Amino acid sequence: MYRERRIAVVVPAYNEEALIAKTVQGLPGFVDFIVVVDDCSTDGTFEAISSVQDDRLVVHRLERNLGVGGAILTGHRIGMDKGADILVVVAGDDQMDPDHMPRLLDPMIEDGYGFTKGNRFYSLASLAGMPRHRVIGNMGLTFVNKAASGYWNIVDPQNGYTAVTREALQMIPFDKIAQRYDFENDLLVWLNIANIRARDVNIPARYGAETSTISLTTFIPRLLHTFFRGFWRRMWYKYMLWSFSPIALLFLLGIMLLGLGTIVGLWATWEAFHGVSPTAGTTVLSVVPFFCGFVLVVQSLVLDIQATPD
């Protein structure tokens, strides 16, 4: 136990034969349960983890590949069945330093947070070992994730080193959460809908012999779709269905005015290319709705930032 809390570590593993045993053997002694979920690996991952001798170890092999999110959700279910109070996710490639785990757990115990996650972008020194393309990609994804999830205080959304309380997991629908590499992003949306307090924890990543199996050609479109769907889901549940908030009113009205101004502006531009100069009225009908809509959308985002669970 850690400070009177039962801790389960969930380790999703797909083709991690080389590092899975090292990952599990490095976990701290205060961990009560180690749930390794083999996501239908095609190498010797299952045999490698099955050879580890640890009374805390629970090995579950999926019959079909569910993706990293599906493996994590399966591990969360098993950990909750075992009676865990807090569940920590540690990747099976030994990339996440277990020495920093208490930094994820302490905010939950001391300050009542329901979700904590690692942040690798807290200093220039912490980025020293991170590949440049990952830094640039994560910077872009961070802003889009903030708007989609509503956690404007969260950075580095693709960091999978996370901890979540049993109570928080009981408030979200497991069967509706994305199960592939967009899992972390979709999970944040559902946690925000449930008004779960979340916090970043500054934890450096360590890079070694691990390899990524992500295909960017499929990952990026899927992730953008998850962001779009998650944003509108959050707006519907949080600001429309449960309470028609001014945030929804301002945002929807702003989008309508932006659309009107854009359509009129494009029409006037098209006419101008064909020798018909736009009238003063047409110009006003384009510019005024556009800028009014822009102001309303920005104001709605400001209110959304203020509504971040923290």
C-alpha atoms as a PDB file:
ATOM      1  CA  MET A   1       0.000   0.000   0.000  1.00  0.00           C
ATOM      2  CA  TYR A   2       0.981   3.615  -0.459  1.00  0.00           C
ATOM      3  CA  ARG A   3      -0.212   5.947   2.278  1.00  0.00           C
ATOM      4  CA  GLU A   4      -3.112   3.592   3.065  1.00  0.00           C
ATOM      5  CA  ARG A   5      -4.174   3.342  -0.581  1.00  0.00           C
ATOM      6  CA  ARG A   6      -4.110   0.101  -2.553  1.00  0.00           C
ATOM      7  CA  ILE A   7      -2.207   0.670  -5.775  1.00  0.00           C
ATOM      8  CA  ALA A   8      -2.562  -1.281  -8.995  1.00  0.00           C
ATOM      9  CA  VAL A   9      -0.167  -0.759 -11.889  1.00  0.00           C
ATOM     10  CA  VAL A  10      -1.637  -1.527 -15.298  1.00  0.00           C
ATOM     11  CA  VAL A  11       0.929  -2.456 -17.948  1.00  0.00           C
ATOM     12  CA  PRO A  12      -0.397  -2.672 -21.531  1.00  0.00           C
ATOM     13  CA  ALA A  13       2.000  -4.721 -23.639  1.00  0.00           C
ATOM     14  CA  TYR A  14       2.135  -5.355 -27.354  1.00  0.00           C
ATOM     15  CA  ASN A  15       5.278  -7.017 -28.718  1.00  0.00           C
ATOM     16  CA  GLU A  16       7.379  -5.962 -25.730  1.00  0.00           C
ATOM     17  CA  GLU A  17       9.331  -9.206 -25.360  1.00  0.00           C
ATOM     18  CA  ALA A  18      12.635  -7.418 -24.819  1.00  0.00           C
ATOM     19  CA  LEU A  19      11.548  -4.964 -22.099  1.00  0.00           C
ATOM     20  CA  ILE A  20       8.392  -6.222 -20.388  1.00  0.00           C
ATOM     21  CA  ALA A  21      10.173  -8.256 -17.689  1.00  0.00           C
ATOM     22  CA  LYS A  22      12.519  -5.352 -16.899  1.00  0.00           C
ATOM     23  CA  THR A  23       9.536  -2.993 -16.655  1.00  0.00           C
ATOM     24  CA  VAL A  24       7.678  -5.183 -14.154  1.00  0.00           C
ATOM     25  CA  GLN A  25      10.751  -5.997 -12.078  1.00  0.00           C
ATOM     26  CA  GLY A  26      11.490  -2.278 -11.673  1.00  0.00           C
ATOM     27  CA  LEU A  27       8.142  -1.397 -10.096  1.00  0.00           C
ATOM     28  CA  PRO A  28       8.304  -0.199  -6.452  1.00  0.00           C
ATOM     29  CA  GLY A  29       7.439  -2.400  -3.490  1.00  0.00           C
ATOM     30  CA  PHE A  30       4.415  -0.362  -2.403  1.00  0.00           C
ATOM     31  CA  VAL A  31       2.479  -1.512  -5.490  1.00  0.00           C
ATOM     32  CA  ASP A  32      -0.187  -4.035  -4.470  1.00  0.00           C
ATOM     33  CA  PHE A  33      -1.133  -5.439  -7.878  1.00  0.00           C
ATOM     34  CA  ILE A  34       0.689  -5.534 -11.215  1.00  0.00           C
ATOM     35  CA  VAL A  35      -1.755  -6.168 -14.040  1.00  0.00           C
ATOM     36  CA  VAL A  36      -0.026  -6.937 -17.329  1.00  0.00           C
ATOM     37  CA  VAL A  37      -2.357  -7.093 -20.321  1.00  0.00           C
ATOM     38  CA  ASP A  38      -0.820  -8.767 -23.357  1.00  0.00           C
ATOM     39  CA  ASP A  39      -2.646  -7.215 -26.302  1.00  0.00           C
ATOM     40  CA  CYS A  40      -2.438 -10.324 -28.475  1.00  0.00           C
ATOM     41  CA  SER A  41       1.319  -9.948 -29.075  1.00  0.00           C
ATOM     42  CA  THR A  42       2.903 -11.836 -31.953  1.00  0.00           C
ATOM     43  CA  ASP A  43       6.309 -12.247 -30.275  1.00  0.00           C
ATOM     44  CA  GLY A  44       7.336 -13.789 -26.971  1.00  0.00           C
ATOM     45  CA  THR A  45       5.813 -11.113 -24.724  1.00  0.00           C
ATOM     46  CA  PHE A  46       3.448 -13.510 -22.955  1.00  0.00           C
ATOM     47  CA  GLU A  47       6.199 -16.041 -22.279  1.00  0.00           C
ATOM     48  CA  ALA A  48       8.594 -13.324 -21.092  1.00  0.00           C
ATOM     49  CA  ILE A  49       6.161 -11.895 -18.534  1.00  0.00           C
ATOM     50  CA  SER A  50       4.905 -15.313 -17.450  1.00  0.00           C
ATOM     51  CA  SER A  51       8.451 -16.230 -16.413  1.00  0.00           C
ATOM     52  CA  VAL A  52       8.617 -13.360 -13.887  1.00  0.00           C
ATOM     53  CA  GLN A  53       8.188 -14.497 -10.304  1.00  0.00           C
ATOM     54  CA  ASP A  54       6.147 -11.931  -8.380  1.00  0.00           C
ATOM     55  CA  ASP A  55       3.154 -12.665  -6.145  1.00  0.00           C
ATOM     56  CA  ARG A  56       1.608  -9.317  -7.130  1.00  0.00           C
ATOM     57  CA  LEU A  57       1.598 -10.171 -10.820  1.00  0.00           C
ATOM     58  CA  VAL A  58      -1.624 -10.800 -12.745  1.00  0.00           C
ATOM     59  CA  VAL A  59      -1.151 -11.641 -16.434  1.00  0.00           C
ATOM     60  CA  HIS A  60      -4.105 -11.377 -18.800  1.00  0.00           C
ATOM     61  CA  ARG A  61      -3.818 -12.257 -22.475  1.00  0.00           C
ATOM     62  CA  LEU A  62      -6.398 -10.789 -24.838  1.00  0.00           C
ATOM     63  CA  GLU A  63      -7.846 -13.100 -27.468  1.00  0.00           C
ATOM     64  CA  ARG A  64      -7.761 -10.330 -30.080  1.00  0.00           C
ATOM     65  CA  ASN A  65      -5.852  -7.101 -30.423  1.00  0.00           C
ATOM     66  CA  LEU A  66      -7.841  -4.214 -28.887  1.00  0.00           C
ATOM     67  CA  GLY A  67      -5.226  -1.468 -29.063  1.00  0.00           C
ATOM     68  CA  VAL A  68      -3.453   0.260 -26.215  1.00  0.00           C
ATOM     69  CA  GLY A  69      -6.670   1.834 -24.910  1.00  0.00           C
ATOM     70  CA  GLY A  70      -8.514  -1.463 -24.915  1.00  0.00           C
ATOM     71  CA  ALA A  71      -5.638  -3.115 -23.055  1.00  0.00           C
ATOM     72  CA  ILE A  72      -5.548  -0.321 -20.453  1.00  0.00           C
ATOM     73  CA  LEU A  73      -9.317  -0.429 -19.897  1.00  0.00           C
ATOM     74  CA  THR A  74      -9.117  -4.204 -19.470  1.00  0.00           C
ATOM     75  CA  GLY A  75      -6.350  -3.707 -16.909  1.00  0.00           C
ATOM     76  CA  HIS A  76      -8.398  -1.065 -15.086  1.00  0.00           C
ATOM     77  CA  ARG A  77     -11.333  -3.460 -14.803  1.00  0.00           C
ATOM     78  CA  ILE A  78      -9.078  -6.178 -13.377  1.00  0.00           C
ATOM     79  CA  GLY A  79      -7.417  -3.743 -10.959  1.00  0.00           C
ATOM     80  CA  MET A  80     -10.775  -2.479  -9.733  1.00  0.00           C
ATOM     81  CA  ASP A  81     -11.965  -6.061  -9.234  1.00  0.00           C
ATOM     82  CA  LYS A  82      -8.863  -6.628  -7.118  1.00  0.00           C
ATOM     83  CA  GLY A  83      -9.871  -3.695  -4.909  1.00  0.00           C
ATOM     84  CA  ALA A  84      -7.364  -1.065  -6.040  1.00  0.00           C
ATOM     85  CA  ASP A  85      -7.992   2.506  -4.878  1.00  0.00           C
ATOM     86  CA  ILE A  86      -5.652   4.111  -7.452  1.00  0.00           C
ATOM     87  CA  LEU A  87      -4.615   2.689 -10.809  1.00  0.00           C
ATOM     88  CA  VAL A  88      -1.383   3.747 -12.503  1.00  0.00           C
ATOM     89  CA  VAL A  89      -0.590   3.103 -16.160  1.00  0.00           C
ATOM     90  CA  VAL A  90       3.008   2.190 -17.004  1.00  0.00           C
ATOM     91  CA  ALA A  91       4.006   1.314 -20.567  1.00  0.00           C
ATOM     92  CA  GLY A  92       5.609  -2.059 -21.156  1.00  0.00           C
ATOM     93  CA  ASP A  93       8.708  -0.583 -22.840  1.00  0.00           C
ATOM     94  CA  ASP A  94      10.392   0.640 -19.624  1.00  0.00           C
ATOM     95  CA  GLN A  95      10.058   4.246 -20.781  1.00  0.00           C
ATOM     96  CA  MET A  96       8.348   5.467 -17.594  1.00  0.00           C
ATOM     97  CA  ASP A  97      10.547   5.826 -14.523  1.00  0.00           C
ATOM     98  CA  PRO A  98       8.815   4.123 -11.556  1.00  0.00           C
ATOM     99  CA  ASP A  99      10.793   6.262  -9.107  1.00  0.00           C
ATOM    100  CA  HIS A 100       8.503   9.177 -10.030  1.00  0.00           C
ATOM    101  CA  MET A 101       5.288   7.286  -9.302  1.00  0.00           C
ATOM    102  CA  PRO A 102       4.739   8.879  -5.861  1.00  0.00           C
ATOM    103  CA  ARG A 103       4.553  12.261  -7.613  1.00  0.00           C
ATOM    104  CA  LEU A 104       1.470  11.015  -9.444  1.00  0.00           C
ATOM    105  CA  LEU A 105      -0.095   9.572  -6.308  1.00  0.00           C
ATOM    106  CA  ASP A 106       0.478  12.385  -3.787  1.00  0.00           C
ATOM    107  CA  PRO A 107      -1.859  14.986  -5.418  1.00  0.00           C
ATOM    108  CA  MET A 108      -4.677  12.447  -5.270  1.00  0.00           C
ATOM    109  CA  ILE A 109      -4.138  11.640  -1.627  1.00  0.00           C
ATOM    110  CA  GLU A 110      -3.336  15.144  -0.408  1.00  0.00           C
ATOM    111  CA  ASP A 111      -5.469  17.366  -2.665  1.00  0.00           C
ATOM    112  CA  GLY A 112      -8.296  15.140  -3.888  1.00  0.00           C
ATOM    113  CA  TYR A 113      -7.418  15.019  -7.595  1.00  0.00           C
ATOM    114  CA  GLY A 114      -9.068  12.214  -9.550  1.00  0.00           C
ATOM    115  CA  PHE A 115      -6.550  12.056 -12.400  1.00  0.00           C
ATOM    116  CA  THR A 116      -2.868  12.896 -12.728  1.00  0.00           C
ATOM    117  CA  LYS A 117      -0.513  12.524 -15.645  1.00  0.00           C
ATOM    118  CA  GLY A 118       3.106  13.055 -16.507  1.00  0.00           C
ATOM    119  CA  ASN A 119       4.306  16.143 -18.341  1.00  0.00           C
ATOM    120  CA  ARG A 120       7.583  15.918 -20.249  1.00  0.00           C
ATOM    121  CA  PHE A 121       7.561  19.563 -21.392  1.00  0.00           C
ATOM    122  CA  TYR A 122       8.193  21.338 -18.116  1.00  0.00           C
ATOM    123  CA  SER A 123      11.794  22.387 -18.866  1.00  0.00           C
ATOM    124  CA  LEU A 124      14.326  22.479 -21.671  1.00  0.00           C
ATOM    125  CA  ALA A 125      16.479  19.949 -19.836  1.00  0.00           C
ATOM    126  CA  SER A 126      13.625  17.448 -19.743  1.00  0.00           C
ATOM    127  CA  LEU A 127      13.420  17.519 -23.554  1.00  0.00           C
ATOM    128  CA  ALA A 128      17.056  16.592 -24.050  1.00  0.00           C
ATOM    129  CA  GLY A 129      16.360  12.904 -24.708  1.00  0.00           C
ATOM    130  CA  MET A 130      13.130  13.355 -26.643  1.00  0.00           C
ATOM    131  CA  PRO A 131      13.220  13.019 -30.458  1.00  0.00           C
ATOM    132  CA  ARG A 132      12.606  16.386 -32.131  1.00  0.00           C
ATOM    133  CA  HIS A 133       9.662  15.199 -34.202  1.00  0.00           C
ATOM    134  CA  ARG A 134       7.914  14.097 -31.006  1.00  0.00           C
ATOM    135  CA  VAL A 135       8.443  17.508 -29.426  1.00  0.00           C
ATOM    136  CA  ILE A 136       6.999  19.367 -32.429  1.00  0.00           C
ATOM    137  CA  GLY A 137       4.106  16.961 -32.854  1.00  0.00           C
ATOM    138  CA  ASN A 138       3.143  17.042 -29.186  1.00  0.00           C
ATOM    139  CA  MET A 139       3.229  20.842 -29.106  1.00  0.00           C
ATOM    140  CA  GLY A 140       0.651  20.998 -31.878  1.00  0.00           C
ATOM    141  CA  LEU A 141      -1.521  18.279 -30.393  1.00  0.00           C
ATOM    142  CA  THR A 142      -1.462  19.898 -26.965  1.00  0.00           C
ATOM    143  CA  PHE A 143      -3.438  22.985 -27.982  1.00  0.00           C
ATOM    144  CA  VAL A 144      -6.027  21.019 -29.946  1.00  0.00           C
ATOM    145  CA  ASN A 145      -6.384  18.630 -27.021  1.00  0.00           C
ATOM    146  CA  LYS A 146      -6.943  21.529 -24.606  1.00  0.00           C
ATOM    147  CA  ALA A 147      -9.871  22.802 -26.659  1.00  0.00           C
ATOM    148  CA  ALA A 148     -11.348  19.334 -27.193  1.00  0.00           C
ATOM    149  CA  SER A 149     -11.003  18.002 -23.649  1.00  0.00           C
ATOM    150  CA  GLY A 150     -11.606  21.234 -21.735  1.00  0.00           C
ATOM    151  CA  TYR A 151      -8.538  20.620 -19.562  1.00  0.00           C
ATOM    152  CA  TRP A 152      -6.750  23.841 -20.397  1.00  0.00           C
ATOM    153  CA  ASN A 153      -4.282  23.155 -17.576  1.00  0.00           C
ATOM    154  CA  ILE A 154      -3.065  19.891 -19.136  1.00  0.00           C
ATOM    155  CA  VAL A 155       0.049  19.717 -21.328  1.00  0.00           C
ATOM    156  CA  ASP A 156       1.600  16.755 -23.161  1.00  0.00           C
ATOM    157  CA  PRO A 157      -1.655  14.838 -23.758  1.00  0.00           C
ATOM    158  CA  GLN A 158       0.080  11.894 -25.442  1.00  0.00           C
ATOM    159  CA  ASN A 159       1.990  11.059 -22.262  1.00  0.00           C
ATOM    160  CA  GLY A 160       0.599   7.734 -21.066  1.00  0.00           C
ATOM    161  CA  TYR A 161       2.162   7.818 -17.594  1.00  0.00           C
ATOM    162  CA  THR A 162      -1.077   8.415 -15.697  1.00  0.00           C
ATOM    163  CA  ALA A 163      -2.885   7.656 -12.468  1.00  0.00           C
ATOM    164  CA  VAL A 164      -6.618   7.630 -11.844  1.00  0.00           C
ATOM    165  CA  THR A 165      -8.756   6.955  -8.814  1.00  0.00           C
ATOM    166  CA  ARG A 166     -11.296   4.177  -8.604  1.00  0.00           C
ATOM    167  CA  GLU A 167     -14.058   6.754  -8.032  1.00  0.00           C
ATOM    168  CA  ALA A 168     -13.160   8.629 -11.237  1.00  0.00           C
ATOM    169  CA  LEU A 169     -13.242   5.449 -13.317  1.00  0.00           C
ATOM    170  CA  GLN A 170     -16.650   4.559 -11.924  1.00  0.00           C
ATOM    171  CA  MET A 171     -18.039   7.838 -13.288  1.00  0.00           C
ATOM    172  CA  ILE A 172     -17.141   7.302 -16.962  1.00  0.00           C
ATOM    173  CA  PRO A 173     -18.522   4.823 -19.552  1.00  0.00           C
ATOM    174  CA  PHE A 174     -15.781   2.307 -20.368  1.00  0.00           C
ATOM    175  CA  ASP A 175     -17.616   1.029 -23.441  1.00  0.00           C
ATOM    176  CA  LYS A 176     -17.626   4.467 -25.106  1.00  0.00           C
ATOM    177  CA  ILE A 177     -13.942   5.357 -24.701  1.00  0.00           C
ATOM    178  CA  ALA A 178     -11.655   5.087 -27.742  1.00  0.00           C
ATOM    179  CA  GLN A 179      -9.462   1.985 -27.564  1.00  0.00           C
ATOM    180  CA  ARG A 180      -6.577   2.756 -29.901  1.00  0.00           C
ATOM    181  CA  TYR A 181      -3.793   5.351 -29.669  1.00  0.00           C
ATOM    182  CA  ASP A 182      -6.358   8.121 -29.241  1.00  0.00           C
ATOM    183  CA  PHE A 183      -7.341   6.605 -25.897  1.00  0.00           C
ATOM    184  CA  GLU A 184      -5.593   9.197 -23.702  1.00  0.00           C
ATOM    185  CA  ASN A 185      -7.270  12.068 -25.537  1.00  0.00           C
ATOM    186  CA  ASP A 186     -10.749  10.561 -25.461  1.00  0.00           C
ATOM    187  CA  LEU A 187     -10.356   9.625 -21.793  1.00  0.00           C
ATOM    188  CA  LEU A 188      -9.670  13.271 -20.929  1.00  0.00           C
ATOM    189  CA  VAL A 189     -12.908  14.310 -22.637  1.00  0.00           C
ATOM    190  CA  TRP A 190     -14.957  11.833 -20.609  1.00  0.00           C
ATOM    191  CA  LEU A 191     -13.194  12.803 -17.379  1.00  0.00           C
ATOM    192  CA  ASN A 192     -13.993  16.465 -18.030  1.00  0.00           C
ATOM    193  CA  ILE A 193     -17.630  15.639 -18.718  1.00  0.00           C
ATOM    194  CA  ALA A 194     -17.680  13.914 -15.310  1.00  0.00           C
ATOM    195  CA  ASN A 195     -16.034  17.053 -13.828  1.00  0.00           C
ATOM    196  CA  ILE A 196     -13.019  15.109 -12.533  1.00  0.00           C
ATOM    197  CA  ARG A 197     -10.185  17.281 -11.261  1.00  0.00           C
ATOM    198  CA  ALA A 198      -6.988  16.614 -13.220  1.00  0.00           C
ATOM    199  CA  ARG A 199      -3.416  17.758 -12.761  1.00  0.00           C
ATOM    200  CA  ASP A 200      -0.123  17.673 -14.634  1.00  0.00           C
ATOM    201  CA  VAL A 201       2.935  16.330 -12.846  1.00  0.00           C
ATOM    202  CA  ASN A 202       6.399  17.211 -14.118  1.00  0.00           C
ATOM    203  CA  ILE A 203       8.073  13.885 -14.893  1.00  0.00           C
ATOM    204  CA  PRO A 204      10.928  13.411 -17.385  1.00  0.00           C
ATOM    205  CA  ALA A 205      10.688  10.584 -19.900  1.00  0.00           C
ATOM    206  CA  ARG A 206      13.518   8.206 -20.530  1.00  0.00           C
ATOM    207  CA  TYR A 207      14.227   6.839 -23.996  1.00  0.00           C
ATOM    208  CA  GLY A 208      16.164   3.683 -24.665  1.00  0.00           C
ATOM    209  CA  ALA A 209      15.663   0.652 -26.875  1.00  0.00           C
ATOM    210  CA  GLU A 210      11.896   0.993 -27.247  1.00  0.00           C
ATOM    211  CA  THR A 211      10.349   1.309 -30.693  1.00  0.00           C
ATOM    212  CA  SER A 212       7.081   2.909 -31.729  1.00  0.00           C
ATOM    213  CA  THR A 213       4.465   0.970 -33.707  1.00  0.00           C
ATOM    214  CA  ILE A 214       2.357   4.055 -34.487  1.00  0.00           C
ATOM    215  CA  SER A 215       1.649   4.780 -38.145  1.00  0.00           C
ATOM    216  CA  LEU A 216       1.265   8.545 -38.491  1.00  0.00           C
ATOM    217  CA  THR A 217      -0.771   8.210 -41.690  1.00  0.00           C
ATOM    218  CA  THR A 218      -3.555   6.522 -39.729  1.00  0.00           C
ATOM    219  CA  PHE A 219      -2.855   8.023 -36.293  1.00  0.00           C
ATOM    220  CA  ILE A 220      -3.225  11.709 -37.186  1.00  0.00           C
ATOM    221  CA  PRO A 221      -6.582  11.464 -39.034  1.00  0.00           C
ATOM    222  CA  ARG A 222      -7.968   9.214 -36.302  1.00  0.00           C
ATOM    223  CA  LEU A 223      -6.786  11.599 -33.597  1.00  0.00           C
ATOM    224  CA  LEU A 224      -8.253  14.660 -35.325  1.00  0.00           C
ATOM    225  CA  HIS A 225     -11.570  12.825 -35.630  1.00  0.00           C
ATOM    226  CA  THR A 226     -11.413  11.995 -31.917  1.00  0.00           C
ATOM    227  CA  PHE A 227     -10.755  15.657 -31.071  1.00  0.00           C
ATOM    228  CA  PHE A 228     -13.662  16.872 -33.216  1.00  0.00           C
ATOM    229  CA  ARG A 229     -16.093  14.292 -31.879  1.00  0.00           C
ATOM    230  CA  GLY A 230     -14.907  14.765 -28.298  1.00  0.00           C
ATOM    231  CA  PHE A 231     -15.295  18.544 -28.415  1.00  0.00           C
ATOM    232  CA  TRP A 232     -18.900  18.400 -29.558  1.00  0.00           C
ATOM    233  CA  ARG A 233     -19.680  15.573 -27.131  1.00  0.00           C
ATOM    234  CA  ARG A 234     -18.360  17.662 -24.265  1.00  0.00           C
ATOM    235  CA  MET A 235     -20.260  20.738 -25.404  1.00  0.00           C
ATOM    236  CA  TRP A 236     -23.487  18.715 -25.655  1.00  0.00           C
ATOM    237  CA  TYR A 237     -23.303  16.966 -22.292  1.00  0.00           C
ATOM    238  CA  LYS A 238     -21.665  19.644 -20.200  1.00  0.00           C
ATOM    239  CA  TYR A 239     -23.045  22.896 -21.582  1.00  0.00           C
ATOM    240  CA  MET A 240     -26.293  21.958 -23.315  1.00  0.00           C
ATOM    241  CA  LEU A 241     -27.965  18.809 -21.989  1.00  0.00           C
ATOM    242  CA  TRP A 242     -27.197  19.155 -18.293  1.00  0.00           C
ATOM    243  CA  SER A 243     -27.400  22.940 -18.100  1.00  0.00           C
ATOM    244  CA  PHE A 244     -27.794  25.310 -21.011  1.00  0.00           C
ATOM    245  CA  SER A 245     -24.736  27.366 -20.201  1.00  0.00           C
ATOM    246  CA  PRO A 246     -23.852  30.802 -21.649  1.00  0.00           C
ATOM    247  CA  ILE A 247     -20.749  29.065 -22.971  1.00  0.00           C
ATOM    248  CA  ALA A 248     -22.861  27.041 -25.403  1.00  0.00           C
ATOM    249  CA  LEU A 249     -24.973  30.034 -26.332  1.00  0.00           C
ATOM    250  CA  LEU A 250     -21.967  32.239 -27.070  1.00  0.00           C
ATOM    251  CA  PHE A 251     -20.145  29.515 -28.970  1.00  0.00           C
ATOM    252  CA  LEU A 252     -23.077  28.469 -31.158  1.00  0.00           C
ATOM    253  CA  LEU A 253     -24.070  32.064 -31.926  1.00  0.00           C
ATOM    254  CA  GLY A 254     -20.443  32.891 -32.673  1.00  0.00           C
ATOM    255  CA  ILE A 255     -20.110  29.942 -35.055  1.00  0.00           C
ATOM    256  CA  MET A 256     -23.295  30.997 -36.860  1.00  0.00           C
ATOM    257  CA  LEU A 257     -22.075  34.577 -37.281  1.00  0.00           C
ATOM    258  CA  LEU A 258     -18.636  33.418 -38.397  1.00  0.00           C
ATOM    259  CA  GLY A 259     -20.284  31.182 -40.969  1.00  0.00           C
ATOM    260  CA  LEU A 260     -22.542  33.966 -42.222  1.00  0.00           C
ATOM    261  CA  GLY A 261     -19.686  36.439 -42.532  1.00  0.00           C
ATOM    262  CA  THR A 262     -17.487  33.879 -44.284  1.00  0.00           C
ATOM    263  CA  ILE A 263     -20.174  32.865 -46.779  1.00  0.00           C
ATOM    264  CA  VAL A 264     -21.013  36.457 -47.677  1.00  0.00           C
ATOM    265  CA  GLY A 265     -17.334  37.325 -47.917  1.00  0.00           C
ATOM    266  CA  LEU A 266     -16.599  34.405 -50.257  1.00  0.00           C
ATOM    267  CA  TRP A 267     -19.610  35.313 -52.392  1.00  0.00           C
ATOM    268  CA  ALA A 268     -18.495  38.958 -52.626  1.00  0.00           C
ATOM    269  CA  THR A 269     -14.965  37.845 -53.521  1.00  0.00           C
ATOM    270  CA  TRP A 270     -16.300  35.585 -56.250  1.00  0.00           C
ATOM    271  CA  GLU A 271     -18.397  38.418 -57.653  1.00  0.00           C
ATOM    272  CA  ALA A 272     -15.402  40.757 -57.557  1.00  0.00           C
ATOM    273  CA  PHE A 273     -13.345  38.308 -59.629  1.00  0.00           C
ATOM    274  CA  HIS A 274     -16.103  38.465 -62.215  1.00  0.00           C
ATOM    275  CA  GLY A 275     -16.086  42.252 -62.391  1.00  0.00           C
ATOM    276  CA  VAL A 276     -18.890  43.057 -59.938  1.00  0.00           C
ATOM    277  CA  SER A 277     -17.643  45.313 -57.148  1.00  0.00           C
ATOM    278  CA  PRO A 278     -19.188  44.562 -53.727  1.00  0.00           C
ATOM    279  CA  THR A 279     -21.462  47.254 -52.326  1.00  0.00           C
ATOM    280  CA  ALA A 280     -20.949  48.865 -48.933  1.00  0.00           C
ATOM    281  CA  GLY A 281     -23.885  46.842 -47.604  1.00  0.00           C
ATOM    282  CA  THR A 282     -22.366  43.576 -48.777  1.00  0.00           C
ATOM    283  CA  THR A 283     -19.045  44.464 -47.155  1.00  0.00           C
ATOM    284  CA  VAL A 284     -20.734  45.297 -43.867  1.00  0.00           C
ATOM    285  CA  LEU A 285     -22.790  42.075 -44.027  1.00  0.00           C
ATOM    286  CA  SER A 286     -19.552  40.139 -44.346  1.00  0.00           C
ATOM    287  CA  VAL A 287     -17.193  41.955 -41.959  1.00  0.00           C
ATOM    288  CA  VAL A 288     -19.513  42.745 -39.032  1.00  0.00           C
ATOM    289  CA  PRO A 289     -20.930  39.211 -38.512  1.00  0.00           C
ATOM    290  CA  PHE A 290     -17.452  37.711 -38.954  1.00  0.00           C
ATOM    291  CA  PHE A 291     -15.782  39.845 -36.290  1.00  0.00           C
ATOM    292  CA  CYS A 292     -18.776  39.638 -33.931  1.00  0.00           C
ATOM    293  CA  GLY A 293     -18.711  35.863 -34.293  1.00  0.00           C
ATOM    294  CA  PHE A 294     -14.974  35.808 -33.681  1.00  0.00           C
ATOM    295  CA  VAL A 295     -15.387  37.804 -30.451  1.00  0.00           C
ATOM    296  CA  LEU A 296     -18.190  35.520 -29.232  1.00  0.00           C
ATOM    297  CA  VAL A 297     -16.200  32.358 -29.926  1.00  0.00           C
ATOM    298  CA  VAL A 298     -13.151  33.737 -28.112  1.00  0.00           C
ATOM    299  CA  GLN A 299     -15.339  34.766 -25.158  1.00  0.00           C
ATOM    300  CA  SER A 300     -16.845  31.287 -24.985  1.00  0.00           C
ATOM    301  CA  LEU A 301     -13.352  29.779 -24.907  1.00  0.00           C
ATOM    302  CA  VAL A 302     -12.368  32.156 -22.104  1.00  0.00           C
ATOM    303  CA  LEU A 303     -15.371  30.990 -20.080  1.00  0.00           C
ATOM    304  CA  ASP A 304     -14.520  27.376 -20.904  1.00  0.00           C
ATOM    305  CA  ILE A 305     -10.980  27.916 -19.584  1.00  0.00           C
ATOM    306  CA  GLN A 306     -12.411  29.346 -16.366  1.00  0.00           C
ATOM    307  CA  ALA A 307     -14.660  26.257 -16.051  1.00  0.00           C
ATOM    308  CA  THR A 308     -11.713  23.829 -16.127  1.00  0.00           C
ATOM    309  CA  PRO A 309     -12.040  21.362 -13.215  1.00  0.00           C
ATOM    310  CA  ASP A 310      -9.065  22.148 -10.968  1.00  0.00           C
END
